[in-house]
Amino acid sequence: ELFVLTYGALVAQLCKDYEKDEDVNTCLDRMGYGIGVRLIDDFLARSAVKKCRSYSETADMIAQVAFKMYLGVTPRVSCSSAAGNEFSLILDKNPLVDFVEELPAERASLCYCNLLCGVIRGALEMVHLAAEVTFLRDRLKGDAVTEIGITFLRKAED
Protein backbone atom coordinates (compact mmCIF):
# COMPACT_ATOMS: atom_id res chain seq x y z
CA GLU A 1 0.00 0.00 0.00
CA LEU A 2 2.82 2.40 0.79
CA PHE A 3 4.29 1.80 -2.65
CA VAL A 4 0.97 2.58 -4.35
CA LEU A 5 0.60 5.76 -2.30
CA THR A 6 4.08 7.03 -3.12
CA TYR A 7 4.29 5.87 -6.75
CA GLY A 8 2.52 8.97 -8.08
CA ALA A 9 5.03 11.22 -6.32
CA LEU A 10 7.87 9.24 -7.90
CA VAL A 11 6.43 9.65 -11.40
CA ALA A 12 5.71 13.35 -10.79
CA GLN A 13 9.32 13.92 -9.74
CA LEU A 14 10.63 12.11 -12.81
CA CYS A 15 8.39 14.29 -14.99
CA LYS A 16 10.01 17.35 -13.39
CA ASP A 17 13.50 15.91 -13.88
CA TYR A 18 13.04 14.90 -17.53
CA GLU A 19 11.46 16.96 -20.27
CA LYS A 20 10.65 14.07 -22.61
CA ASP A 21 8.14 11.35 -21.78
CA GLU A 22 10.41 8.81 -23.46
CA ASP A 23 13.14 9.61 -20.91
CA VAL A 24 10.68 9.16 -18.02
CA ASN A 25 9.50 5.86 -19.55
CA THR A 26 13.10 4.67 -19.86
CA CYS A 27 13.88 5.66 -16.29
CA LEU A 28 10.79 3.87 -14.94
CA ASP A 29 11.69 0.75 -16.93
CA ARG A 30 15.26 0.85 -15.64
CA MET A 31 14.09 1.29 -12.04
CA GLY A 32 11.59 -1.56 -12.45
CA TYR A 33 14.28 -3.79 -13.92
CA GLY A 34 16.42 -3.26 -10.80
CA ILE A 35 13.45 -4.08 -8.59
CA GLY A 36 12.65 -7.23 -10.60
CA VAL A 37 16.24 -8.47 -10.38
CA ARG A 38 16.04 -8.26 -6.59
CA LEU A 39 12.39 -9.22 -6.17
CA ILE A 40 12.72 -12.63 -7.82
CA ASP A 41 14.62 -14.01 -4.82
CA ASP A 42 11.81 -12.94 -2.48
CA PHE A 43 9.20 -14.34 -4.87
CA LEU A 44 10.90 -17.74 -5.14
CA ALA A 45 11.42 -17.96 -1.38
CA ARG A 46 7.88 -16.92 -0.39
CA SER A 47 5.90 -18.71 -3.09
CA ALA A 48 7.68 -22.09 -3.10
CA VAL A 49 6.77 -22.54 -6.77
CA LYS A 50 8.27 -25.23 -8.91
CA LYS A 51 10.10 -24.63 -12.19
CA CYS A 52 7.80 -23.73 -15.06
CA ARG A 53 8.05 -26.02 -18.08
CA SER A 54 6.56 -23.70 -20.69
CA TYR A 55 6.06 -20.06 -21.52
CA SER A 56 2.34 -20.42 -20.80
CA GLU A 57 3.07 -21.79 -17.31
CA THR A 58 5.42 -18.86 -16.75
CA ALA A 59 2.80 -16.32 -17.86
CA ASP A 60 0.22 -17.96 -15.59
CA MET A 61 2.67 -17.89 -12.68
CA ILE A 62 3.30 -14.18 -13.20
CA ALA A 63 -0.43 -13.43 -13.28
CA GLN A 64 -1.83 -15.81 -10.69
CA VAL A 65 0.96 -15.79 -8.12
CA ALA A 66 3.29 -12.78 -8.55
CA PHE A 67 0.70 -10.10 -9.32
CA LYS A 68 -1.57 -11.41 -6.58
CA MET A 69 1.31 -11.55 -4.09
CA TYR A 70 2.71 -8.08 -4.74
CA LEU A 71 -0.18 -6.01 -6.12
CA GLY A 72 -3.24 -7.87 -4.87
CA VAL A 73 -4.74 -8.34 -8.35
CA THR A 74 -4.89 -11.28 -10.74
CA PRO A 75 -4.68 -10.36 -14.43
CA ARG A 76 -6.21 -12.54 -17.11
CA VAL A 77 -3.67 -14.24 -19.37
CA SER A 78 -4.14 -14.48 -23.10
CA CYS A 79 -1.79 -16.11 -25.59
CA SER A 80 -1.53 -14.03 -28.73
CA SER A 81 0.78 -16.04 -31.00
CA ALA A 82 0.72 -19.41 -32.72
CA ALA A 83 4.32 -19.95 -31.61
CA GLY A 84 3.20 -19.74 -27.97
CA ASN A 85 5.77 -17.14 -26.96
CA GLU A 86 3.58 -14.00 -26.82
CA PHE A 87 1.19 -13.36 -23.96
CA SER A 88 -0.91 -10.53 -22.64
CA LEU A 89 -1.66 -9.80 -19.02
CA ILE A 90 -5.00 -8.01 -18.92
CA LEU A 91 -5.72 -6.01 -15.78
CA ASP A 92 -9.27 -4.83 -15.19
CA LYS A 93 -7.94 -2.99 -12.13
CA ASN A 94 -4.45 -1.54 -11.80
CA PRO A 95 -3.63 -0.55 -8.20
CA LEU A 96 -0.82 1.78 -9.31
CA VAL A 97 -3.39 4.14 -10.82
CA ASP A 98 -5.88 4.13 -7.93
CA PHE A 99 -5.09 7.77 -7.18
CA VAL A 100 -4.73 8.97 -10.80
CA GLU A 101 -7.67 10.13 -12.87
CA GLU A 102 -5.95 10.88 -16.17
CA LEU A 103 -2.64 11.90 -17.68
CA PRO A 104 -2.14 15.57 -18.52
CA ALA A 105 -2.51 16.34 -22.24
CA GLU A 106 1.15 17.36 -22.48
CA ARG A 107 2.16 13.92 -21.16
CA ALA A 108 0.27 11.87 -23.74
CA SER A 109 3.20 9.54 -24.49
CA LEU A 110 3.99 8.90 -20.82
CA CYS A 111 3.73 5.24 -19.88
CA TYR A 112 2.79 5.88 -16.24
CA CYS A 113 3.16 2.27 -15.05
CA ASN A 114 6.24 1.40 -17.11
CA LEU A 115 7.92 0.33 -13.88
CA LEU A 116 5.85 -2.89 -14.06
CA CYS A 117 7.37 -3.77 -17.44
CA GLY A 118 10.86 -3.40 -16.01
CA VAL A 119 10.00 -5.50 -12.95
CA ILE A 120 8.69 -8.36 -15.09
CA ARG A 121 11.64 -8.17 -17.51
CA GLY A 122 14.21 -8.09 -14.69
CA ALA A 123 12.64 -10.99 -12.81
CA LEU A 124 12.37 -13.11 -15.97
CA GLU A 125 15.98 -12.42 -16.86
CA MET A 126 17.09 -13.68 -13.45
CA VAL A 127 15.42 -17.03 -14.18
CA HIS A 128 17.13 -17.14 -17.59
CA LEU A 129 14.21 -16.01 -19.74
CA ALA A 130 14.85 -13.10 -22.09
CA ALA A 131 11.65 -11.18 -22.74
CA GLU A 132 10.34 -7.98 -24.21
CA VAL A 133 7.68 -6.42 -21.99
CA THR A 134 5.56 -3.45 -23.09
CA PHE A 135 2.25 -1.78 -22.41
CA LEU A 136 -0.22 -2.50 -25.19
CA ARG A 137 -3.26 -0.74 -23.73
CA ASP A 138 -3.63 1.62 -20.80
CA ARG A 139 -6.73 2.80 -18.93
CA LEU A 140 -5.04 6.14 -18.33
CA LYS A 141 -5.02 6.63 -22.09
CA GLY A 142 -8.70 5.85 -22.52
CA ASP A 143 -8.56 2.08 -23.07
CA ALA A 144 -11.10 -0.17 -21.36
CA VAL A 145 -8.39 -2.24 -19.65
CA THR A 146 -4.67 -2.18 -19.01
CA GLU A 147 -2.77 -4.75 -21.06
CA ILE A 148 0.88 -5.70 -20.69
CA GLY A 149 2.45 -7.66 -23.53
CA ILE A 150 5.18 -10.22 -22.83
CA THR A 151 7.16 -11.68 -25.71
CA PHE A 152 9.58 -14.42 -24.72
CA LEU A 153 12.58 -13.94 -27.01
CA ARG A 154 14.68 -16.98 -26.28
CA LYS A 155 15.59 -19.14 -23.36
CA ALA A 156 18.97 -18.07 -22.10
CA GLU A 157 21.57 -20.77 -21.66
CA ASP A 158 22.20 -21.90 -18.09
C-alpha atoms as a PDB file:
ATOM      1  CA  GLU A   1       0.000   0.000   0.000  1.00  0.00           C
ATOM      2  CA  LEU A   2       2.819   2.398   0.790  1.00  0.00           C
ATOM      3  CA  PHE A   3       4.294   1.801  -2.648  1.00  0.00           C
ATOM      4  CA  VAL A   4       0.968   2.579  -4.354  1.00  0.00           C
ATOM      5  CA  LEU A   5       0.598   5.756  -2.295  1.00  0.00           C
ATOM      6  CA  THR A   6       4.078   7.034  -3.124  1.00  0.00           C
ATOM      7  CA  TYR A   7       4.291   5.869  -6.746  1.00  0.00           C
ATOM      8  CA  GLY A   8       2.518   8.972  -8.076  1.00  0.00           C
ATOM      9  CA  ALA A   9       5.034  11.220  -6.318  1.00  0.00           C
ATOM     10  CA  LEU A  10       7.872   9.245  -7.895  1.00  0.00           C
ATOM     11  CA  VAL A  11       6.430   9.648 -11.399  1.00  0.00           C
ATOM     12  CA  ALA A  12       5.711  13.348 -10.789  1.00  0.00           C
ATOM     13  CA  GLN A  13       9.320  13.920  -9.740  1.00  0.00           C
ATOM     14  CA  LEU A  14      10.634  12.113 -12.807  1.00  0.00           C
ATOM     15  CA  CYS A  15       8.386  14.292 -14.988  1.00  0.00           C
ATOM     16  CA  LYS A  16      10.015  17.353 -13.387  1.00  0.00           C
ATOM     17  CA  ASP A  17      13.505  15.906 -13.875  1.00  0.00           C
ATOM     18  CA  TYR A  18      13.036  14.901 -17.529  1.00  0.00           C
ATOM     19  CA  GLU A  19      11.465  16.964 -20.274  1.00  0.00           C
ATOM     20  CA  LYS A  20      10.649  14.071 -22.609  1.00  0.00           C
ATOM     21  CA  ASP A  21       8.138  11.354 -21.779  1.00  0.00           C
ATOM     22  CA  GLU A  22      10.411   8.805 -23.456  1.00  0.00           C
ATOM     23  CA  ASP A  23      13.137   9.605 -20.905  1.00  0.00           C
ATOM     24  CA  VAL A  24      10.683   9.164 -18.024  1.00  0.00           C
ATOM     25  CA  ASN A  25       9.502   5.864 -19.546  1.00  0.00           C
ATOM     26  CA  THR A  26      13.095   4.668 -19.865  1.00  0.00           C
ATOM     27  CA  CYS A  27      13.883   5.661 -16.288  1.00  0.00           C
ATOM     28  CA  LEU A  28      10.788   3.870 -14.940  1.00  0.00           C
ATOM     29  CA  ASP A  29      11.685   0.751 -16.928  1.00  0.00           C
ATOM     30  CA  ARG A  30      15.263   0.850 -15.638  1.00  0.00           C
ATOM     31  CA  MET A  31      14.085   1.290 -12.038  1.00  0.00           C
ATOM     32  CA  GLY A  32      11.591  -1.558 -12.448  1.00  0.00           C
ATOM     33  CA  TYR A  33      14.280  -3.786 -13.917  1.00  0.00           C
ATOM     34  CA  GLY A  34      16.423  -3.264 -10.805  1.00  0.00           C
ATOM     35  CA  ILE A  35      13.452  -4.081  -8.592  1.00  0.00           C
ATOM     36  CA  GLY A  36      12.648  -7.227 -10.602  1.00  0.00           C
ATOM     37  CA  VAL A  37      16.241  -8.467 -10.376  1.00  0.00           C
ATOM     38  CA  ARG A  38      16.041  -8.259  -6.590  1.00  0.00           C
ATOM     39  CA  LEU A  39      12.385  -9.225  -6.166  1.00  0.00           C
ATOM     40  CA  ILE A  40      12.719 -12.629  -7.822  1.00  0.00           C
ATOM     41  CA  ASP A  41      14.618 -14.015  -4.817  1.00  0.00           C
ATOM     42  CA  ASP A  42      11.812 -12.938  -2.481  1.00  0.00           C
ATOM     43  CA  PHE A  43       9.202 -14.341  -4.870  1.00  0.00           C
ATOM     44  CA  LEU A  44      10.896 -17.741  -5.142  1.00  0.00           C
ATOM     45  CA  ALA A  45      11.422 -17.956  -1.382  1.00  0.00           C
ATOM     46  CA  ARG A  46       7.876 -16.921  -0.395  1.00  0.00           C
ATOM     47  CA  SER A  47       5.899 -18.712  -3.094  1.00  0.00           C
ATOM     48  CA  ALA A  48       7.683 -22.085  -3.101  1.00  0.00           C
ATOM     49  CA  VAL A  49       6.767 -22.537  -6.766  1.00  0.00           C
ATOM     50  CA  LYS A  50       8.274 -25.232  -8.914  1.00  0.00           C
ATOM     51  CA  LYS A  51      10.100 -24.631 -12.187  1.00  0.00           C
ATOM     52  CA  CYS A  52       7.801 -23.728 -15.063  1.00  0.00           C
ATOM     53  CA  ARG A  53       8.052 -26.021 -18.079  1.00  0.00           C
ATOM     54  CA  SER A  54       6.562 -23.704 -20.685  1.00  0.00           C
ATOM     55  CA  TYR A  55       6.061 -20.063 -21.518  1.00  0.00           C
ATOM     56  CA  SER A  56       2.344 -20.419 -20.800  1.00  0.00           C
ATOM     57  CA  GLU A  57       3.069 -21.792 -17.308  1.00  0.00           C
ATOM     58  CA  THR A  58       5.418 -18.860 -16.750  1.00  0.00           C
ATOM     59  CA  ALA A  59       2.800 -16.316 -17.862  1.00  0.00           C
ATOM     60  CA  ASP A  60       0.216 -17.959 -15.589  1.00  0.00           C
ATOM     61  CA  MET A  61       2.670 -17.891 -12.683  1.00  0.00           C
ATOM     62  CA  ILE A  62       3.298 -14.175 -13.203  1.00  0.00           C
ATOM     63  CA  ALA A  63      -0.427 -13.427 -13.279  1.00  0.00           C
ATOM     64  CA  GLN A  64      -1.828 -15.814 -10.685  1.00  0.00           C
ATOM     65  CA  VAL A  65       0.962 -15.788  -8.119  1.00  0.00           C
ATOM     66  CA  ALA A  66       3.289 -12.784  -8.549  1.00  0.00           C
ATOM     67  CA  PHE A  67       0.703 -10.101  -9.321  1.00  0.00           C
ATOM     68  CA  LYS A  68      -1.573 -11.414  -6.581  1.00  0.00           C
ATOM     69  CA  MET A  69       1.309 -11.553  -4.086  1.00  0.00           C
ATOM     70  CA  TYR A  70       2.714  -8.085  -4.745  1.00  0.00           C
ATOM     71  CA  LEU A  71      -0.181  -6.015  -6.117  1.00  0.00           C
ATOM     72  CA  GLY A  72      -3.242  -7.871  -4.869  1.00  0.00           C
ATOM     73  CA  VAL A  73      -4.738  -8.341  -8.348  1.00  0.00           C
ATOM     74  CA  THR A  74      -4.893 -11.275 -10.739  1.00  0.00           C
ATOM     75  CA  PRO A  75      -4.681 -10.356 -14.432  1.00  0.00           C
ATOM     76  CA  ARG A  76      -6.213 -12.536 -17.114  1.00  0.00           C
ATOM     77  CA  VAL A  77      -3.673 -14.240 -19.375  1.00  0.00           C
ATOM     78  CA  SER A  78      -4.139 -14.477 -23.099  1.00  0.00           C
ATOM     79  CA  CYS A  79      -1.794 -16.112 -25.594  1.00  0.00           C
ATOM     80  CA  SER A  80      -1.526 -14.032 -28.732  1.00  0.00           C
ATOM     81  CA  SER A  81       0.776 -16.043 -30.995  1.00  0.00           C
ATOM     82  CA  ALA A  82       0.720 -19.405 -32.716  1.00  0.00           C
ATOM     83  CA  ALA A  83       4.318 -19.950 -31.607  1.00  0.00           C
ATOM     84  CA  GLY A  84       3.195 -19.744 -27.972  1.00  0.00           C
ATOM     85  CA  ASN A  85       5.768 -17.142 -26.959  1.00  0.00           C
ATOM     86  CA  GLU A  86       3.579 -14.002 -26.819  1.00  0.00           C
ATOM     87  CA  PHE A  87       1.190 -13.357 -23.960  1.00  0.00           C
ATOM     88  CA  SER A  88      -0.909 -10.527 -22.643  1.00  0.00           C
ATOM     89  CA  LEU A  89      -1.656  -9.801 -19.019  1.00  0.00           C
ATOM     90  CA  ILE A  90      -4.996  -8.005 -18.920  1.00  0.00           C
ATOM     91  CA  LEU A  91      -5.721  -6.012 -15.785  1.00  0.00           C
ATOM     92  CA  ASP A  92      -9.268  -4.831 -15.187  1.00  0.00           C
ATOM     93  CA  LYS A  93      -7.938  -2.988 -12.132  1.00  0.00           C
ATOM     94  CA  ASN A  94      -4.451  -1.543 -11.799  1.00  0.00           C
ATOM     95  CA  PRO A  95      -3.630  -0.549  -8.196  1.00  0.00           C
ATOM     96  CA  LEU A  96      -0.816   1.777  -9.313  1.00  0.00           C
ATOM     97  CA  VAL A  97      -3.386   4.143 -10.819  1.00  0.00           C
ATOM     98  CA  ASP A  98      -5.879   4.131  -7.926  1.00  0.00           C
ATOM     99  CA  PHE A  99      -5.085   7.774  -7.180  1.00  0.00           C
ATOM    100  CA  VAL A 100      -4.726   8.966 -10.796  1.00  0.00           C
ATOM    101  CA  GLU A 101      -7.670  10.126 -12.869  1.00  0.00           C
ATOM    102  CA  GLU A 102      -5.952  10.880 -16.173  1.00  0.00           C
ATOM    103  CA  LEU A 103      -2.638  11.901 -17.676  1.00  0.00           C
ATOM    104  CA  PRO A 104      -2.142  15.574 -18.517  1.00  0.00           C
ATOM    105  CA  ALA A 105      -2.508  16.340 -22.245  1.00  0.00           C
ATOM    106  CA  GLU A 106       1.148  17.355 -22.478  1.00  0.00           C
ATOM    107  CA  ARG A 107       2.161  13.922 -21.155  1.00  0.00           C
ATOM    108  CA  ALA A 108       0.268  11.867 -23.744  1.00  0.00           C
ATOM    109  CA  SER A 109       3.201   9.544 -24.487  1.00  0.00           C
ATOM    110  CA  LEU A 110       3.995   8.904 -20.817  1.00  0.00           C
ATOM    111  CA  CYS A 111       3.728   5.244 -19.875  1.00  0.00           C
ATOM    112  CA  TYR A 112       2.789   5.881 -16.239  1.00  0.00           C
ATOM    113  CA  CYS A 113       3.164   2.273 -15.047  1.00  0.00           C
ATOM    114  CA  ASN A 114       6.240   1.397 -17.111  1.00  0.00           C
ATOM    115  CA  LEU A 115       7.916   0.329 -13.877  1.00  0.00           C
ATOM    116  CA  LEU A 116       5.854  -2.893 -14.064  1.00  0.00           C
ATOM    117  CA  CYS A 117       7.374  -3.769 -17.438  1.00  0.00           C
ATOM    118  CA  GLY A 118      10.857  -3.399 -16.011  1.00  0.00           C
ATOM    119  CA  VAL A 119      10.005  -5.504 -12.953  1.00  0.00           C
ATOM    120  CA  ILE A 120       8.693  -8.356 -15.089  1.00  0.00           C
ATOM    121  CA  ARG A 121      11.637  -8.173 -17.513  1.00  0.00           C
ATOM    122  CA  GLY A 122      14.210  -8.088 -14.688  1.00  0.00           C
ATOM    123  CA  ALA A 123      12.641 -10.994 -12.806  1.00  0.00           C
ATOM    124  CA  LEU A 124      12.372 -13.107 -15.965  1.00  0.00           C
ATOM    125  CA  GLU A 125      15.979 -12.419 -16.857  1.00  0.00           C
ATOM    126  CA  MET A 126      17.086 -13.684 -13.446  1.00  0.00           C
ATOM    127  CA  VAL A 127      15.423 -17.034 -14.184  1.00  0.00           C
ATOM    128  CA  HIS A 128      17.129 -17.139 -17.588  1.00  0.00           C
ATOM    129  CA  LEU A 129      14.212 -16.006 -19.742  1.00  0.00           C
ATOM    130  CA  ALA A 130      14.847 -13.102 -22.086  1.00  0.00           C
ATOM    131  CA  ALA A 131      11.652 -11.178 -22.744  1.00  0.00           C
ATOM    132  CA  GLU A 132      10.343  -7.976 -24.210  1.00  0.00           C
ATOM    133  CA  VAL A 133       7.675  -6.419 -21.986  1.00  0.00           C
ATOM    134  CA  THR A 134       5.563  -3.454 -23.087  1.00  0.00           C
ATOM    135  CA  PHE A 135       2.251  -1.779 -22.412  1.00  0.00           C
ATOM    136  CA  LEU A 136      -0.216  -2.496 -25.195  1.00  0.00           C
ATOM    137  CA  ARG A 137      -3.265  -0.744 -23.733  1.00  0.00           C
ATOM    138  CA  ASP A 138      -3.631   1.616 -20.804  1.00  0.00           C
ATOM    139  CA  ARG A 139      -6.729   2.797 -18.933  1.00  0.00           C
ATOM    140  CA  LEU A 140      -5.043   6.142 -18.332  1.00  0.00           C
ATOM    141  CA  LYS A 141      -5.023   6.633 -22.094  1.00  0.00           C
ATOM    142  CA  GLY A 142      -8.704   5.850 -22.523  1.00  0.00           C
ATOM    143  CA  ASP A 143      -8.559   2.082 -23.068  1.00  0.00           C
ATOM    144  CA  ALA A 144     -11.105  -0.169 -21.359  1.00  0.00           C
ATOM    145  CA  VAL A 145      -8.389  -2.241 -19.647  1.00  0.00           C
ATOM    146  CA  THR A 146      -4.669  -2.183 -19.011  1.00  0.00           C
ATOM    147  CA  GLU A 147      -2.768  -4.754 -21.064  1.00  0.00           C
ATOM    148  CA  ILE A 148       0.885  -5.701 -20.689  1.00  0.00           C
ATOM    149  CA  GLY A 149       2.449  -7.665 -23.532  1.00  0.00           C
ATOM    150  CA  ILE A 150       5.182 -10.216 -22.834  1.00  0.00           C
ATOM    151  CA  THR A 151       7.157 -11.682 -25.713  1.00  0.00           C
ATOM    152  CA  PHE A 152       9.583 -14.419 -24.716  1.00  0.00           C
ATOM    153  CA  LEU A 153      12.578 -13.943 -27.014  1.00  0.00           C
ATOM    154  CA  ARG A 154      14.684 -16.975 -26.280  1.00  0.00           C
ATOM    155  CA  LYS A 155      15.591 -19.138 -23.358  1.00  0.00           C
ATOM    156  CA  ALA A 156      18.974 -18.066 -22.100  1.00  0.00           C
ATOM    157  CA  GLU A 157      21.572 -20.766 -21.663  1.00  0.00           C
ATOM    158  CA  ASP A 158      22.203 -21.901 -18.085  1.00  0.00           C
END
